[in-house]
Structure formats: C-alpha cells, structure tokens
C-alpha cells in the first residue's frame, strides 16, 4: 500500500474545504498546517502552494480547470470526504494518490436504500398523493417481506444494506465485478435478474458500470420489479428506464439521475411508478463528522508513516 513519507520534522501542509476540517486536522499535531480554500475561486498562493495534501469539499465538482493543480508541485495525496471518486479519476497527476472516505456515508446511504425500497414496495408515494388530494384510496401494494433481492455492489454500503434487510426474511443475492464466496459475478446477471423482485444498485462508477443498466438489463427484470438506484445516475440508461416505467412494467426508486440535477419538465419527474429524491442518500446530520473523522484518520496515518487507507483503484 502507498505511503506519504515525511521527514521527521517536516510540516504537513493541507488544503481543506473549511476551517472546521482544518481545526480537526491541526489538533492532531503542531506539524499540520491547513489552508481553507475554494479551488473554483482560483489557484492557491503563498504557503498554500506547498500543500502535500488536498481535501476537497463534499460534493466537489472535481478538479478545476484554472491552473489549480499546476500551482501545487508538492501535492502527493487527494483525500476525499466522499466514497464516490469518479470526478477525480484520470484527472490527477502521476504520483498523486487518490483516497476516499469509505464508510463515512455508509449508514446514511444504506438507510436511504432501505427507506426507499420499503416506501416503493408499500406504495407510500401513491398514498401521499392521495392524502394531499383528500382521497381514501384503499389498494393492495407489494411487500418487502420474503422478496427476492439482488444487491449489485458488494462493498461496504452493499453489505450494510444486506444486514438491514435481514429482518425482512428476503432471499438475498450479492453481485459484484468478480465472484467470491457469497457473491455472484456481474456476468451472472442475465440468469439472476429474471428472478429478482428488487434490484438495488450501489456500484462505483467505472467503465464497466457506466450505462450497465441498459434496455437489455431492464428487459431481463420481471414484470412489476423494483429498481433502486443508490449509486450514480450514469449507471442507468435513463431513456431505457423511462420506456419501462411508461409502459408500467417496472418501478423505480432513484436518489440519483442522469442528467443530475434532473431538469424541470424532464419526463422522469412524471413517469408512473417512480420515487425520486435529490441525491440526499448520504445527507444526515452525522455525515460531516464521519467524513471529517475519515480525513483525520488518514492524516494521522501520514504523520505516523503508515500505509494510506481507502486508496481508490484507478481502474
């Protein structure tokens, strides 16, 4: 595993998104100096150009095209406050290590996946609309108890969703890029999808996952099945999903869309059988503290000369 090695008395200069993150890092050691900076506002100046570490803000649009990286000749590590890293992959200089905040968003994102799945299965969006209209509309909806569930993405968040599902007696199957004990390979999806009542997506964005949920993928799902996207919008072909929703054959619960934000008037807003939230899966009051803790742990590793954690595969 890579390390960021410092001389015994060398100061660690860190670009941070806000003073609160900076204070948490500086509390670790007098060797840490932080510089709150908005990369979109321009390249760093003065002492900030000595930064070996950059901590982008949560929800960062990625690397700005304003000479920002060129002004950081000593940069060695980009430590994200998020799990998703697609906006940085392939955009960092050779020799700069990219690490994410694996686990920081796990509880909240898994909770959203559970809440959205339950709401969609039990018809809560329909009943809310009927409540607003003042109608007592008795109907029978679907159930999660005993459902056949595919979790596509067997990482930290996927495993947490699986643990949350345990109390519903579901028939659970994990799917990942490569097979291992208890996990099927994505190559098996054509055989697995026809048996799934619920498909939950929680994969990273890679060349293999971008657009993986296409017309063929969706056509393999049985009538009435539910697609839950807690990953990224680009994992799903929006036009293909719209066709299935409009036909009334499939249902969906989406925290992410393509495009995102979803523009006003986009047909996905009014498609039947879809529940949409505006990418709030990880947004709970505890998330910023969890993300900051991940950055603090990483900087503590750097100061101790230990291997870096949560290094992102460059694919």
Protein backbone atom coordinates (compact mmCIF):
# COMPACT_ATOMS: atom_id res chain seq x y z
CA UNK A 1 0.00 0.00 0.00
CA UNK A 2 1.27 3.52 -0.76
CA UNK A 3 2.54 5.86 1.92
CA UNK A 4 3.16 9.59 2.09
CA UNK A 5 6.58 9.75 3.75
CA UNK A 6 7.68 12.89 5.57
CA UNK A 7 10.96 13.88 7.11
CA UNK A 8 10.91 13.62 10.95
CA UNK A 9 10.28 17.35 11.50
CA UNK A 10 8.64 18.15 8.16
CA UNK A 11 5.46 20.20 8.24
CA UNK A 12 2.42 18.72 6.54
CA UNK A 13 0.57 21.36 4.54
CA UNK A 14 -3.09 20.53 3.82
CA UNK A 15 -5.66 22.33 1.69
CA UNK A 16 -9.07 21.97 3.37
CA UNK A 17 -12.65 22.87 2.38
CA UNK A 18 -13.45 24.82 5.55
CA UNK A 19 -11.96 25.93 8.88
CA UNK A 20 -13.78 23.18 10.81
CA UNK A 21 -11.98 20.43 8.91
CA UNK A 22 -8.75 22.39 9.26
CA UNK A 23 -9.13 22.67 13.02
CA UNK A 24 -9.75 18.94 13.36
CA UNK A 25 -6.57 18.17 11.40
CA UNK A 26 -4.42 20.72 13.21
CA UNK A 27 -5.48 19.23 16.54
CA UNK A 28 -3.54 16.12 15.57
CA UNK A 29 -0.11 17.72 15.65
CA UNK A 30 1.71 21.08 15.54
CA UNK A 31 3.31 19.73 12.36
CA UNK A 32 0.00 20.11 10.49
CA UNK A 33 -0.84 23.43 8.84
CA UNK A 34 -4.12 23.87 6.99
CA UNK A 35 -5.39 26.34 4.42
CA UNK A 36 -9.14 26.70 3.82
CA UNK A 37 -9.53 27.13 0.08
CA UNK A 38 -12.16 27.08 -2.65
CA UNK A 39 -10.42 25.63 -5.72
CA UNK A 40 -13.09 27.05 -8.01
CA UNK A 41 -12.10 30.59 -6.93
CA UNK A 42 -8.57 30.24 -8.28
CA UNK A 43 -5.17 28.64 -7.77
CA UNK A 44 -3.56 28.64 -4.32
CA UNK A 45 -0.98 31.26 -3.43
CA UNK A 46 1.77 31.72 -0.86
CA UNK A 47 2.34 28.97 1.71
CA UNK A 48 -0.70 27.08 0.40
CA UNK A 49 1.26 26.15 -2.73
CA UNK A 50 3.42 23.89 -0.53
CA UNK A 51 0.46 21.59 0.16
CA UNK A 52 1.18 17.88 0.00
CA UNK A 53 -2.48 17.02 0.68
CA UNK A 54 -5.75 18.35 -0.73
CA UNK A 55 -9.09 17.59 0.94
CA UNK A 56 -11.86 18.66 -1.50
CA UNK A 57 -15.25 19.60 -0.13
CA UNK A 58 -18.14 17.16 -0.01
CA UNK A 59 -19.91 17.39 -3.36
CA UNK A 60 -16.87 18.86 -5.10
CA UNK A 61 -17.27 19.16 -8.88
CA UNK A 62 -13.77 17.71 -9.23
CA UNK A 63 -10.52 19.22 -10.45
CA UNK A 64 -10.98 22.80 -11.66
CA UNK A 65 -9.55 23.89 -14.98
CA UNK A 66 -7.91 27.04 -13.66
CA UNK A 67 -4.30 26.11 -13.02
CA UNK A 68 -5.11 24.76 -9.56
CA UNK A 69 -3.07 21.56 -9.77
CA UNK A 70 -0.21 23.27 -11.59
CA UNK A 71 0.22 25.52 -8.56
CA UNK A 72 0.75 22.50 -6.26
CA UNK A 73 4.12 20.98 -7.21
CA UNK A 74 4.41 19.05 -3.91
CA UNK A 75 0.93 17.50 -3.97
CA UNK A 76 1.03 13.78 -3.14
CA UNK A 77 -2.43 12.91 -1.79
CA UNK A 78 -6.05 13.84 -2.51
CA UNK A 79 -8.25 12.74 0.39
CA UNK A 80 -11.95 12.82 -0.45
CA UNK A 81 -14.77 13.32 2.02
CA UNK A 82 -16.99 11.07 -0.10
CA UNK A 83 -17.00 7.46 -1.25
CA UNK A 84 -17.58 8.35 -4.91
CA UNK A 85 -14.36 9.28 -6.72
CA UNK A 86 -15.37 9.39 -10.39
CA UNK A 87 -14.90 13.16 -10.69
CA UNK A 88 -11.20 12.80 -9.84
CA UNK A 89 -10.25 9.58 -11.59
CA UNK A 90 -7.91 10.20 -14.50
CA UNK A 91 -7.55 13.89 -13.67
CA UNK A 92 -4.72 13.80 -11.14
CA UNK A 93 -1.00 13.93 -12.00
CA UNK A 94 1.05 10.77 -11.96
CA UNK A 95 2.26 10.06 -8.43
CA UNK A 96 -0.71 11.67 -6.66
CA UNK A 97 -2.64 9.08 -4.65
CA UNK A 98 -6.44 9.31 -4.51
CA UNK A 99 -8.23 8.08 -1.36
CA UNK A 100 -11.91 8.16 -0.48
CA UNK A 101 -13.85 8.32 2.77
CA UNK A 102 -15.08 4.75 2.69
CA UNK A 103 -17.62 4.24 5.44
CA UNK A 104 -18.41 7.89 6.12
CA UNK A 105 -21.60 7.81 4.06
CA UNK A 106 -22.37 4.12 4.60
CA UNK A 107 -25.00 4.28 7.39
CA UNK A 108 -26.99 7.10 5.77
CA UNK A 109 -26.87 5.71 2.23
CA UNK A 110 -27.86 2.23 3.36
CA UNK A 111 -30.68 3.76 5.39
CA UNK A 112 -31.93 5.64 2.30
CA UNK A 113 -31.87 2.44 0.25
CA UNK A 114 -33.94 0.69 2.91
CA UNK A 115 -36.38 3.59 3.27
CA UNK A 116 -36.84 3.98 -0.49
CA UNK A 117 -37.29 0.26 -1.04
CA UNK A 118 -39.89 -0.03 1.70
CA UNK A 119 -41.70 3.12 0.56
CA UNK A 120 -41.85 1.95 -3.05
CA UNK A 121 -42.91 -1.59 -2.16
CA UNK A 122 -45.71 -0.45 0.14
CA UNK A 123 -46.92 2.30 -2.22
CA UNK A 124 -46.16 5.20 0.11
CA UNK A 125 -45.69 7.76 -2.74
CA UNK A 126 -49.16 6.86 -4.07
CA UNK A 127 -50.76 7.19 -0.65
CA UNK A 128 -49.07 10.54 -0.01
CA UNK A 129 -50.53 11.89 -3.25
CA UNK A 130 -53.94 10.57 -2.28
CA UNK A 131 -53.63 12.18 1.15
CA UNK A 132 -52.87 15.56 -0.44
CA UNK A 133 -55.94 15.13 -2.64
CA UNK A 134 -58.06 14.12 0.36
CA UNK A 135 -58.92 10.68 -1.04
CA UNK A 136 -59.24 7.43 0.94
CA UNK A 137 -57.90 5.12 -1.78
CA UNK A 138 -57.68 1.58 -0.45
CA UNK A 139 -55.36 -0.59 -2.56
CA UNK A 140 -53.08 -3.57 -2.05
CA UNK A 141 -49.42 -2.87 -2.74
CA UNK A 142 -46.26 -5.02 -2.82
CA UNK A 143 -44.27 -6.27 0.18
CA UNK A 144 -40.59 -6.46 1.02
CA UNK A 145 -41.01 -9.44 3.37
CA UNK A 146 -39.85 -12.57 1.59
CA UNK A 147 -38.87 -10.70 -1.58
CA UNK A 148 -36.04 -11.84 -3.84
CA UNK A 149 -33.45 -9.04 -3.68
CA UNK A 150 -30.33 -8.50 -5.77
CA UNK A 151 -27.75 -6.06 -4.38
CA UNK A 152 -25.47 -5.09 -7.26
CA UNK A 153 -22.35 -3.88 -5.50
CA UNK A 154 -20.94 -5.90 -2.62
CA UNK A 155 -18.81 -3.26 -0.94
CA UNK A 156 -19.25 -1.60 2.44
CA UNK A 157 -22.61 0.02 1.68
CA UNK A 158 -23.99 -3.05 -0.07
CA UNK A 159 -23.08 -5.23 2.90
CA UNK A 160 -24.74 -2.77 5.28
CA UNK A 161 -27.93 -2.78 3.19
CA UNK A 162 -27.85 -6.56 3.33
CA UNK A 163 -27.63 -6.53 7.13
CA UNK A 164 -30.57 -4.12 7.30
CA UNK A 165 -32.60 -6.41 5.04
CA UNK A 166 -32.00 -9.41 7.27
CA UNK A 167 -35.07 -8.72 9.37
CA UNK A 168 -37.36 -8.94 6.33
CA UNK A 169 -36.59 -12.58 5.52
CA UNK A 170 -35.61 -11.68 1.98
CA UNK A 171 -33.89 -14.04 -0.42
CA UNK A 172 -30.70 -12.03 -0.85
CA UNK A 173 -28.05 -12.30 -3.56
CA UNK A 174 -24.96 -10.10 -3.81
CA UNK A 175 -23.42 -9.31 -7.19
CA UNK A 176 -20.01 -7.76 -7.83
CA UNK A 177 -17.49 -7.42 -10.67
CA UNK A 178 -15.84 -10.70 -9.74
CA UNK A 179 -17.29 -13.70 -7.94
CA UNK A 180 -16.16 -14.71 -4.47
CA UNK A 181 -17.63 -16.61 -1.56
CA UNK A 182 -21.21 -15.43 -1.09
CA UNK A 183 -21.04 -13.09 -4.10
CA UNK A 184 -22.01 -13.77 -7.72
CA UNK A 185 -20.27 -12.13 -10.68
CA UNK A 186 -21.92 -9.47 -12.84
CA UNK A 187 -21.55 -11.94 -15.71
CA UNK A 188 -24.30 -13.94 -13.97
CA UNK A 189 -26.83 -11.07 -14.09
CA UNK A 190 -28.71 -12.41 -17.15
CA UNK A 191 -29.55 -15.52 -15.11
CA UNK A 192 -30.24 -13.66 -11.84
CA UNK A 193 -32.34 -10.70 -12.99
CA UNK A 194 -35.43 -12.67 -14.10
CA UNK A 195 -35.80 -13.97 -10.54
CA UNK A 196 -35.43 -10.59 -8.75
CA UNK A 197 -38.33 -8.70 -7.18
CA UNK A 198 -35.98 -5.85 -6.15
CA UNK A 199 -32.63 -4.80 -7.64
CA UNK A 200 -30.57 -2.36 -5.56
CA UNK A 201 -27.66 -0.62 -7.30
CA UNK A 202 -24.71 0.50 -5.17
CA UNK A 203 -21.75 0.20 -7.55
CA UNK A 204 -18.95 2.73 -8.13
CA UNK A 205 -18.74 4.48 -11.48
CA UNK A 206 -16.24 2.63 -13.66
CA UNK A 207 -16.02 2.00 -17.42
CA UNK A 208 -17.81 -1.30 -16.76
CA UNK A 209 -20.66 0.13 -14.66
CA UNK A 210 -21.37 3.27 -16.68
CA UNK A 211 -24.61 2.50 -18.51
CA UNK A 212 -24.66 -1.11 -17.29
CA UNK A 213 -28.40 -0.90 -16.56
CA UNK A 214 -29.45 -0.66 -20.19
CA UNK A 215 -32.51 -1.85 -22.13
CA UNK A 216 -31.28 -5.46 -22.06
CA UNK A 217 -30.67 -5.37 -18.29
CA UNK A 218 -34.12 -3.89 -17.63
CA UNK A 219 -35.87 -6.26 -20.04
CA UNK A 220 -34.48 -9.19 -18.04
CA UNK A 221 -36.24 -7.98 -14.87
CA UNK A 222 -39.70 -9.49 -14.28
CA UNK A 223 -42.93 -7.53 -14.56
CA UNK A 224 -43.58 -5.34 -11.52
CA UNK A 225 -39.98 -5.50 -10.26
CA UNK A 226 -38.41 -2.52 -8.47
CA UNK A 227 -35.09 -0.88 -9.44
CA UNK A 228 -33.44 1.10 -6.62
CA UNK A 229 -30.51 3.33 -7.60
CA UNK A 230 -28.35 4.46 -4.69
CA UNK A 231 -25.20 4.52 -6.85
CA UNK A 232 -24.85 7.19 -9.57
CA UNK A 233 -27.23 8.27 -12.30
CA UNK A 234 -24.89 7.31 -15.14
CA UNK A 235 -25.12 3.65 -14.13
CA UNK A 236 -28.65 3.60 -15.61
CA UNK A 237 -29.70 4.36 -19.19
CA UNK A 238 -32.40 6.96 -18.49
CA UNK A 239 -34.21 6.52 -21.81
CA UNK A 240 -34.38 2.76 -21.35
CA UNK A 241 -35.71 3.16 -17.81
CA UNK A 242 -38.28 5.71 -18.97
CA UNK A 243 -39.57 3.27 -21.56
CA UNK A 244 -40.12 0.58 -18.92
CA UNK A 245 -41.72 2.99 -16.45
CA UNK A 246 -44.01 4.50 -19.08
CA UNK A 247 -45.15 1.03 -20.10
CA UNK A 248 -45.96 0.34 -16.44
CA UNK A 249 -43.83 -2.79 -16.47
CA UNK A 250 -41.18 -1.76 -13.91
CA UNK A 251 -40.99 0.58 -10.93
CA UNK A 252 -38.03 2.62 -9.66
CA UNK A 253 -36.73 4.47 -6.60
CA UNK A 254 -33.96 6.89 -7.55
CA UNK A 255 -31.71 9.06 -5.41
CA UNK A 256 -29.53 9.80 -8.45
CA UNK A 257 -30.38 10.53 -12.07
CA UNK A 258 -28.80 11.20 -15.42
CA UNK A 259 -28.85 14.12 -16.00
CA UNK A 260 -28.36 15.45 -12.47
CA UNK A 261 -29.84 17.66 -11.18
CA UNK A 262 -32.91 16.46 -13.03
CA UNK A 263 -34.17 19.48 -15.02
CA UNK A 264 -37.65 20.89 -14.54
CA UNK A 265 -40.04 19.31 -17.01
CA UNK A 266 -37.91 16.19 -17.57
CA UNK A 267 -40.23 13.23 -18.33
CA UNK A 268 -38.72 11.20 -15.49
CA UNK A 269 -40.44 13.50 -12.98
CA UNK A 270 -43.89 12.46 -14.16
CA UNK A 271 -43.19 8.86 -15.13
CA UNK A 272 -45.51 6.35 -13.43
CA UNK A 273 -44.15 4.16 -10.67
CA UNK A 274 -41.08 6.24 -9.82
CA UNK A 275 -39.94 7.71 -6.49
CA UNK A 276 -37.24 10.41 -6.85
CA UNK A 277 -35.15 12.10 -4.16
CA UNK A 278 -32.49 14.75 -4.99
CA UNK A 279 -29.25 12.84 -4.17
CA UNK A 280 -29.80 13.02 -0.43
CA UNK A 281 -28.92 9.43 0.41
CA UNK A 282 -25.86 10.39 2.43
CA UNK A 283 -27.25 13.62 3.81
CA UNK A 284 -27.91 13.22 7.52
CA UNK A 285 -26.61 15.44 10.34
CA UNK A 286 -23.93 12.93 11.32
CA UNK A 287 -22.32 12.64 7.87
CA UNK A 288 -19.98 15.69 8.01
CA UNK A 289 -18.49 14.49 11.30
CA UNK A 290 -17.99 10.98 9.88
CA UNK A 291 -16.31 12.37 6.76
CA UNK A 292 -14.06 14.64 8.82
CA UNK A 293 -13.13 11.68 11.01
CA UNK A 294 -12.04 9.76 7.90
CA UNK A 295 -9.75 12.65 6.89
CA UNK A 296 -8.36 12.92 10.42
CA UNK A 297 -7.60 9.19 10.46
CA UNK A 298 -5.81 9.46 7.14
CA UNK A 299 -3.66 12.41 8.21
CA UNK A 300 -2.80 10.54 11.41
CA UNK A 301 -1.54 7.71 9.20
CA UNK A 302 0.59 10.11 7.22
CA UNK A 303 2.15 11.57 10.37
CA UNK A 304 2.89 8.06 11.67
CA UNK A 305 4.38 6.91 8.36
CA UNK A 306 1.72 4.24 8.00
CA UNK A 307 0.20 2.98 4.72
CA UNK A 308 -2.67 5.08 3.39
CA UNK A 309 -6.22 3.76 3.82
CA UNK A 310 -9.01 3.57 1.25
CA UNK A 311 -6.81 4.03 -1.81
CA UNK A 312 -9.00 4.27 -4.91
CA UNK A 313 -8.32 1.83 -7.73
CA UNK A 314 -7.53 3.83 -10.88
CA UNK A 315 -9.18 1.07 -12.97
